[in-house]
Amino acid sequence: MHQDPLTRLLRALIRGYQYLLSPLLGSRCRFYPTCSHYCREALERHGPGRGLWLCLHRVLRCHPLHPGGHDPVPPP
């Protein structure tokens, strides 16, 4: 698990979104795990460089024209 300061900051921002904004917006993610959970796990497994890339790639695919479904974080 990556615990450098940047990873901790990014994970804290995602947790803030999950606890403060996500309940207000409702469930909109087409994937399992949700995009925010996917991003937290990607950062934990891969660190800020590859983790952010995986997160961005996932969020850009989360739209009404994509079928969604099960999409786990790839192994390191």
PDB file of N, CA and C in Angstrom:
ATOM      1  N   MET A   1       0.845  -1.172   0.000  1.00  0.00           N
ATOM      2  CA  MET A   1       0.000   0.000   0.000  1.00  0.00           C
ATOM      3  C   MET A   1       0.891   1.237   0.000  1.00  0.00           C
ATOM      4  N   HIS A   2       0.584   2.187  -0.880  1.00  0.00           N
ATOM      5  CA  HIS A   2       1.345   3.430  -0.976  1.00  0.00           C
ATOM      6  C   HIS A   2       0.822   4.420   0.055  1.00  0.00           C
ATOM      7  N   GLN A   3       1.740   4.985   0.841  1.00  0.00           N
ATOM      8  CA  GLN A   3       1.352   5.916   1.902  1.00  0.00           C
ATOM      9  C   GLN A   3       2.104   7.240   1.811  1.00  0.00           C
ATOM     10  N   ASP A   4       2.574   7.610   0.610  1.00  0.00           N
ATOM     11  CA  ASP A   4       3.267   8.887   0.485  1.00  0.00           C
ATOM     12  C   ASP A   4       2.254  10.024   0.662  1.00  0.00           C
ATOM     13  N   PRO A   5       2.721  11.251   0.930  1.00  0.00           N
ATOM     14  CA  PRO A   5       1.806  12.364   1.225  1.00  0.00           C
ATOM     15  C   PRO A   5       0.795  12.652   0.113  1.00  0.00           C
ATOM     16  N   LEU A   6       1.209  12.560  -1.137  1.00  0.00           N
ATOM     17  CA  LEU A   6       0.288  12.840  -2.237  1.00  0.00           C
ATOM     18  C   LEU A   6      -0.838  11.798  -2.286  1.00  0.00           C
ATOM     19  N   THR A   7      -0.490  10.540  -2.099  1.00  0.00           N
ATOM     20  CA  THR A   7      -1.509   9.485  -2.090  1.00  0.00           C
ATOM     21  C   THR A   7      -2.478   9.691  -0.937  1.00  0.00           C
ATOM     22  N   ARG A   8      -1.958  10.019   0.231  1.00  0.00           N
ATOM     23  CA  ARG A   8      -2.836  10.268   1.388  1.00  0.00           C
ATOM     24  C   ARG A   8      -3.774  11.441   1.122  1.00  0.00           C
ATOM     25  N   LEU A   9      -3.255  12.522   0.522  1.00  0.00           N
ATOM     26  CA  LEU A   9      -4.081  13.684   0.220  1.00  0.00           C
ATOM     27  C   LEU A   9      -5.180  13.321  -0.774  1.00  0.00           C
ATOM     28  N   LEU A  10      -4.832  12.625  -1.836  1.00  0.00           N
ATOM     29  CA  LEU A  10      -5.825  12.247  -2.844  1.00  0.00           C
ATOM     30  C   LEU A  10      -6.886  11.319  -2.266  1.00  0.00           C
ATOM     31  N   ARG A  11      -6.459  10.372  -1.454  1.00  0.00           N
ATOM     32  CA  ARG A  11      -7.422   9.465  -0.822  1.00  0.00           C
ATOM     33  C   ARG A  11      -8.344  10.225   0.141  1.00  0.00           C
ATOM     34  N   ALA A  12      -7.811  11.224   0.850  1.00  0.00           N
ATOM     35  CA  ALA A  12      -8.636  12.027   1.753  1.00  0.00           C
ATOM     36  C   ALA A  12      -9.659  12.848   0.963  1.00  0.00           C
ATOM     37  N   LEU A  13      -9.263  13.376  -0.185  1.00  0.00           N
ATOM     38  CA  LEU A  13     -10.206  14.124  -1.020  1.00  0.00           C
ATOM     39  C   LEU A  13     -11.329  13.213  -1.522  1.00  0.00           C
ATOM     40  N   ILE A  14     -10.975  12.008  -1.918  1.00  0.00           N
ATOM     41  CA  ILE A  14     -11.992  11.058  -2.384  1.00  0.00           C
ATOM     42  C   ILE A  14     -12.920  10.674  -1.237  1.00  0.00           C
ATOM     43  N   ARG A  15     -12.359  10.429  -0.050  1.00  0.00           N
ATOM     44  CA  ARG A  15     -13.204  10.111   1.117  1.00  0.00           C
ATOM     45  C   ARG A  15     -14.149  11.266   1.425  1.00  0.00           C
ATOM     46  N   GLY A  16     -13.649  12.499   1.319  1.00  0.00           N
ATOM     47  CA  GLY A  16     -14.508  13.668   1.530  1.00  0.00           C
ATOM     48  C   GLY A  16     -15.659  13.697   0.546  1.00  0.00           C
ATOM     49  N   TYR A  17     -15.361  13.413  -0.711  1.00  0.00           N
ATOM     50  CA  TYR A  17     -16.422  13.335  -1.725  1.00  0.00           C
ATOM     51  C   TYR A  17     -17.424  12.249  -1.355  1.00  0.00           C
ATOM     52  N   GLN A  18     -16.922  11.076  -0.949  1.00  0.00           N
ATOM     53  CA  GLN A  18     -17.806   9.955  -0.633  1.00  0.00           C
ATOM     54  C   GLN A  18     -18.746  10.278   0.535  1.00  0.00           C
ATOM     55  N   TYR A  19     -18.259  10.982   1.532  1.00  0.00           N
ATOM     56  CA  TYR A  19     -19.062  11.229   2.727  1.00  0.00           C
ATOM     57  C   TYR A  19     -19.885  12.511   2.657  1.00  0.00           C
ATOM     58  N   LEU A  20     -19.426  13.510   1.887  1.00  0.00           N
ATOM     59  CA  LEU A  20     -20.119  14.789   1.866  1.00  0.00           C
ATOM     60  C   LEU A  20     -20.962  15.007   0.613  1.00  0.00           C
ATOM     61  N   LEU A  21     -20.428  14.720  -0.556  1.00  0.00           N
ATOM     62  CA  LEU A  21     -21.140  15.021  -1.800  1.00  0.00           C
ATOM     63  C   LEU A  21     -21.927  13.841  -2.364  1.00  0.00           C
ATOM     64  N   SER A  22     -21.351  12.669  -2.320  1.00  0.00           N
ATOM     65  CA  SER A  22     -21.998  11.513  -2.915  1.00  0.00           C
ATOM     66  C   SER A  22     -23.413  11.256  -2.371  1.00  0.00           C
ATOM     67  N   PRO A  23     -23.645  11.376  -1.060  1.00  0.00           N
ATOM     68  CA  PRO A  23     -25.013  11.163  -0.568  1.00  0.00           C
ATOM     69  C   PRO A  23     -26.011  12.181  -1.135  1.00  0.00           C
ATOM     70  N   LEU A  24     -25.545  13.384  -1.441  1.00  0.00           N
ATOM     71  CA  LEU A  24     -26.431  14.410  -1.987  1.00  0.00           C
ATOM     72  C   LEU A  24     -26.730  14.174  -3.464  1.00  0.00           C
ATOM     73  N   LEU A  25     -25.758  13.608  -4.181  1.00  0.00           N
ATOM     74  CA  LEU A  25     -25.910  13.392  -5.621  1.00  0.00           C
ATOM     75  C   LEU A  25     -26.640  12.096  -5.951  1.00  0.00           C
ATOM     76  N   GLY A  26     -26.612  11.162  -5.046  1.00  0.00           N
ATOM     77  CA  GLY A  26     -27.248   9.869  -5.293  1.00  0.00           C
ATOM     78  C   GLY A  26     -26.345   8.946  -6.084  1.00  0.00           C
ATOM     79  N   SER A  27     -26.777   7.725  -6.255  1.00  0.00           N
ATOM     80  CA  SER A  27     -25.988   6.724  -6.948  1.00  0.00           C
ATOM     81  C   SER A  27     -26.103   6.926  -8.451  1.00  0.00           C
ATOM     82  N   ARG A  28     -24.992   7.270  -9.084  1.00  0.00           N
ATOM     83  CA  ARG A  28     -24.988   7.525 -10.519  1.00  0.00           C
ATOM     84  C   ARG A  28     -23.971   6.665 -11.262  1.00  0.00           C
ATOM     85  N   CYS A  29     -23.112   5.986 -10.554  1.00  0.00           N
ATOM     86  CA  CYS A  29     -22.036   5.240 -11.192  1.00  0.00           C
ATOM     87  C   CYS A  29     -22.577   3.982 -11.868  1.00  0.00           C
ATOM     88  N   ARG A  30     -22.090   3.711 -13.067  1.00  0.00           N
ATOM     89  CA  ARG A  30     -22.528   2.563 -13.863  1.00  0.00           C
ATOM     90  C   ARG A  30     -21.679   1.330 -13.600  1.00  0.00           C
ATOM     91  N   PHE A  31     -20.679   1.471 -12.753  1.00  0.00           N
ATOM     92  CA  PHE A  31     -19.713   0.400 -12.539  1.00  0.00           C
ATOM     93  C   PHE A  31     -19.782  -0.143 -11.122  1.00  0.00           C
ATOM     94  N   TYR A  32     -19.217  -1.322 -10.960  1.00  0.00           N
ATOM     95  CA  TYR A  32     -18.958  -1.888  -9.640  1.00  0.00           C
ATOM     96  C   TYR A  32     -17.490  -2.306  -9.628  1.00  0.00           C
ATOM     97  N   PRO A  33     -16.716  -1.880  -8.661  1.00  0.00           N
ATOM     98  CA  PRO A  33     -17.035  -0.922  -7.601  1.00  0.00           C
ATOM     99  C   PRO A  33     -17.276   0.473  -8.174  1.00  0.00           C
ATOM    100  N   THR A  34     -17.897   1.328  -7.366  1.00  0.00           N
ATOM    101  CA  THR A  34     -18.162   2.690  -7.835  1.00  0.00           C
ATOM    102  C   THR A  34     -16.862   3.372  -8.212  1.00  0.00           C
ATOM    103  N   CYS A  35     -16.962   4.433  -8.983  1.00  0.00           N
ATOM    104  CA  CYS A  35     -15.757   5.134  -9.444  1.00  0.00           C
ATOM    105  C   CYS A  35     -14.910   5.659  -8.281  1.00  0.00           C
ATOM    106  N   SER A  36     -15.555   6.175  -7.242  1.00  0.00           N
ATOM    107  CA  SER A  36     -14.776   6.707  -6.120  1.00  0.00           C
ATOM    108  C   SER A  36     -14.064   5.582  -5.369  1.00  0.00           C
ATOM    109  N   HIS A  37     -14.717   4.435  -5.196  1.00  0.00           N
ATOM    110  CA  HIS A  37     -14.051   3.302  -4.548  1.00  0.00           C
ATOM    111  C   HIS A  37     -12.923   2.767  -5.438  1.00  0.00           C
ATOM    112  N   TYR A  38     -13.173   2.728  -6.730  1.00  0.00           N
ATOM    113  CA  TYR A  38     -12.147   2.295  -7.678  1.00  0.00           C
ATOM    114  C   TYR A  38     -10.915   3.196  -7.579  1.00  0.00           C
ATOM    115  N   CYS A  39     -11.140   4.513  -7.528  1.00  0.00           N
ATOM    116  CA  CYS A  39     -10.020   5.459  -7.464  1.00  0.00           C
ATOM    117  C   CYS A  39      -9.226   5.297  -6.164  1.00  0.00           C
ATOM    118  N   ARG A  40      -9.913   5.128  -5.050  1.00  0.00           N
ATOM    119  CA  ARG A  40      -9.198   4.908  -3.788  1.00  0.00           C
ATOM    120  C   ARG A  40      -8.343   3.651  -3.855  1.00  0.00           C
ATOM    121  N   GLU A  41      -8.915   2.584  -4.385  1.00  0.00           N
ATOM    122  CA  GLU A  41      -8.171   1.330  -4.472  1.00  0.00           C
ATOM    123  C   GLU A  41      -7.011   1.443  -5.463  1.00  0.00           C
ATOM    124  N   ALA A  42      -7.219   2.132  -6.584  1.00  0.00           N
ATOM    125  CA  ALA A  42      -6.148   2.312  -7.569  1.00  0.00           C
ATOM    126  C   ALA A  42      -4.985   3.092  -6.959  1.00  0.00           C
ATOM    127  N   LEU A  43      -5.296   4.111  -6.168  1.00  0.00           N
ATOM    128  CA  LEU A  43      -4.237   4.875  -5.506  1.00  0.00           C
ATOM    129  C   LEU A  43      -3.503   4.021  -4.479  1.00  0.00           C
ATOM    130  N   GLU A  44      -4.235   3.195  -3.731  1.00  0.00           N
ATOM    131  CA  GLU A  44      -3.604   2.321  -2.743  1.00  0.00           C
ATOM    132  C   GLU A  44      -2.676   1.318  -3.409  1.00  0.00           C
ATOM    133  N   ARG A  45      -3.137   0.715  -4.483  1.00  0.00           N
ATOM    134  CA  ARG A  45      -2.355  -0.337  -5.140  1.00  0.00           C
ATOM    135  C   ARG A  45      -1.211   0.186  -6.002  1.00  0.00           C
ATOM    136  N   HIS A  46      -1.440   1.299  -6.689  1.00  0.00           N
ATOM    137  CA  HIS A  46      -0.496   1.734  -7.720  1.00  0.00           C
ATOM    138  C   HIS A  46       0.209   3.052  -7.427  1.00  0.00           C
ATOM    139  N   GLY A  47      -0.166   3.743  -6.354  1.00  0.00           N
ATOM    140  CA  GLY A  47       0.449   5.022  -6.061  1.00  0.00           C
ATOM    141  C   GLY A  47      -0.165   6.133  -6.897  1.00  0.00           C
ATOM    142  N   PRO A  48       0.301   7.378  -6.719  1.00  0.00           N
ATOM    143  CA  PRO A  48      -0.363   8.509  -7.356  1.00  0.00           C
ATOM    144  C   PRO A  48      -0.217   8.562  -8.879  1.00  0.00           C
ATOM    145  N   GLY A  49       0.901   8.118  -9.436  1.00  0.00           N
ATOM    146  CA  GLY A  49       1.099   8.207 -10.884  1.00  0.00           C
ATOM    147  C   GLY A  49       0.126   7.345 -11.657  1.00  0.00           C
ATOM    148  N   ARG A  50       0.302   6.049 -11.573  1.00  0.00           N
ATOM    149  CA  ARG A  50      -0.572   5.122 -12.297  1.00  0.00           C
ATOM    150  C   ARG A  50      -1.984   5.135 -11.715  1.00  0.00           C
ATOM    151  N   GLY A  51      -2.102   5.331 -10.405  1.00  0.00           N
ATOM    152  CA  GLY A  51      -3.425   5.367  -9.777  1.00  0.00           C
ATOM    153  C   GLY A  51      -4.294   6.480 -10.330  1.00  0.00           C
ATOM    154  N   LEU A  52      -3.723   7.672 -10.514  1.00  0.00           N
ATOM    155  CA  LEU A  52      -4.487   8.782 -11.084  1.00  0.00           C
ATOM    156  C   LEU A  52      -4.865   8.500 -12.536  1.00  0.00           C
ATOM    157  N   TRP A  53      -3.948   7.887 -13.288  1.00  0.00           N
ATOM    158  CA  TRP A  53      -4.242   7.542 -14.679  1.00  0.00           C
ATOM    159  C   TRP A  53      -5.422   6.560 -14.748  1.00  0.00           C
ATOM    160  N   LEU A  54      -5.374   5.518 -13.914  1.00  0.00           N
ATOM    161  CA  LEU A  54      -6.466   4.546 -13.893  1.00  0.00           C
ATOM    162  C   LEU A  54      -7.783   5.208 -13.487  1.00  0.00           C
ATOM    163  N   CYS A  55      -7.714   6.089 -12.508  1.00  0.00           N
ATOM    164  CA  CYS A  55      -8.901   6.794 -12.036  1.00  0.00           C
ATOM    165  C   CYS A  55      -9.498   7.660 -13.151  1.00  0.00           C
ATOM    166  N   LEU A  56      -8.682   8.432 -13.810  1.00  0.00           N
ATOM    167  CA  LEU A  56      -9.155   9.297 -14.888  1.00  0.00           C
ATOM    168  C   LEU A  56      -9.773   8.463 -16.011  1.00  0.00           C
ATOM    169  N   HIS A  57      -9.090   7.385 -16.390  1.00  0.00           N
ATOM    170  CA  HIS A  57      -9.595   6.508 -17.444  1.00  0.00           C
ATOM    171  C   HIS A  57     -10.968   5.948 -17.069  1.00  0.00           C
ATOM    172  N   ARG A  58     -11.134   5.575 -15.830  1.00  0.00           N
ATOM    173  CA  ARG A  58     -12.406   5.019 -15.361  1.00  0.00           C
ATOM    174  C   ARG A  58     -13.507   6.078 -15.353  1.00  0.00           C
ATOM    175  N   VAL A  59     -13.228   7.247 -14.807  1.00  0.00           N
ATOM    176  CA  VAL A  59     -14.248   8.295 -14.700  1.00  0.00           C
ATOM    177  C   VAL A  59     -14.701   8.748 -16.093  1.00  0.00           C
ATOM    178  N   LEU A  60     -13.784   8.804 -17.043  1.00  0.00           N
ATOM    179  CA  LEU A  60     -14.164   9.210 -18.396  1.00  0.00           C
ATOM    180  C   LEU A  60     -15.051   8.175 -19.095  1.00  0.00           C
ATOM    181  N   ARG A  61     -15.007   6.931 -18.645  1.00  0.00           N
ATOM    182  CA  ARG A  61     -15.874   5.895 -19.211  1.00  0.00           C
ATOM    183  C   ARG A  61     -17.230   5.832 -18.527  1.00  0.00           C
ATOM    184  N   CYS A  62     -17.417   6.544 -17.450  1.00  0.00           N
ATOM    185  CA  CYS A  62     -18.668   6.487 -16.684  1.00  0.00           C
ATOM    186  C   CYS A  62     -19.653   7.518 -17.241  1.00  0.00           C
ATOM    187  N   HIS A  63     -20.395   7.108 -18.260  1.00  0.00           N
ATOM    188  CA  HIS A  63     -21.395   7.973 -18.889  1.00  0.00           C
ATOM    189  C   HIS A  63     -22.554   7.106 -19.387  1.00  0.00           C
ATOM    190  N   PRO A  64     -23.670   7.711 -19.726  1.00  0.00           N
ATOM    191  CA  PRO A  64     -24.862   6.934 -20.094  1.00  0.00           C
ATOM    192  C   PRO A  64     -24.702   6.023 -21.314  1.00  0.00           C
ATOM    193  N   LEU A  65     -23.754   6.290 -22.184  1.00  0.00           N
ATOM    194  CA  LEU A  65     -23.593   5.461 -23.377  1.00  0.00           C
ATOM    195  C   LEU A  65     -22.730   4.227 -23.142  1.00  0.00           C
ATOM    196  N   HIS A  66     -22.074   4.147 -21.984  1.00  0.00           N
ATOM    197  CA  HIS A  66     -21.249   2.983 -21.657  1.00  0.00           C
ATOM    198  C   HIS A  66     -22.086   2.006 -20.845  1.00  0.00           C
ATOM    199  N   PRO A  67     -21.975   0.698 -21.134  1.00  0.00           N
ATOM    200  CA  PRO A  67     -22.801  -0.258 -20.395  1.00  0.00           C
ATOM    201  C   PRO A  67     -22.426  -0.430 -18.929  1.00  0.00           C
ATOM    202  N   GLY A  68     -21.205  -0.063 -18.534  1.00  0.00           N
ATOM    203  CA  GLY A  68     -20.803  -0.229 -17.135  1.00  0.00           C
ATOM    204  C   GLY A  68     -20.542  -1.689 -16.805  1.00  0.00           C
ATOM    205  N   GLY A  69     -20.804  -2.070 -15.559  1.00  0.00           N
ATOM    206  CA  GLY A  69     -20.606  -3.448 -15.137  1.00  0.00           C
ATOM    207  C   GLY A  69     -19.441  -3.585 -14.170  1.00  0.00           C
ATOM    208  N   HIS A  70     -18.993  -4.825 -13.980  1.00  0.00           N
ATOM    209  CA  HIS A  70     -17.895  -5.112 -13.053  1.00  0.00           C
ATOM    210  C   HIS A  70     -16.576  -4.716 -13.700  1.00  0.00           C
ATOM    211  N   ASP A  71     -15.806  -3.881 -13.013  1.00  0.00           N
ATOM    212  CA  ASP A  71     -14.534  -3.370 -13.540  1.00  0.00           C
ATOM    213  C   ASP A  71     -13.558  -3.193 -12.378  1.00  0.00           C
ATOM    214  N   PRO A  72     -12.884  -4.274 -11.966  1.00  0.00           N
ATOM    215  CA  PRO A  72     -11.969  -4.171 -10.822  1.00  0.00           C
ATOM    216  C   PRO A  72     -10.671  -3.463 -11.194  1.00  0.00           C
ATOM    217  N   VAL A  73      -9.976  -2.981 -10.183  1.00  0.00           N
ATOM    218  CA  VAL A  73      -8.659  -2.373 -10.370  1.00  0.00           C
ATOM    219  C   VAL A  73      -7.682  -3.471 -10.780  1.00  0.00           C
ATOM    220  N   PRO A  74      -6.873  -3.231 -11.824  1.00  0.00           N
ATOM    221  CA  PRO A  74      -5.914  -4.268 -12.227  1.00  0.00           C
ATOM    222  C   PRO A  74      -4.835  -4.471 -11.164  1.00  0.00           C
ATOM    223  N   PRO A  75      -4.266  -5.665 -11.096  1.00  0.00           N
ATOM    224  CA  PRO A  75      -3.200  -5.903 -10.117  1.00  0.00           C
ATOM    225  C   PRO A  75      -1.946  -5.110 -10.474  1.00  0.00           C
ATOM    226  N   PRO A  76      -1.106  -4.844  -9.471  1.00  0.00           N
ATOM    227  CA  PRO A  76       0.143  -4.097  -9.737  1.00  0.00           C
ATOM    228  C   PRO A  76       1.085  -4.854 -10.642  1.00  0.00           C
TER     229      PRO A  76
END
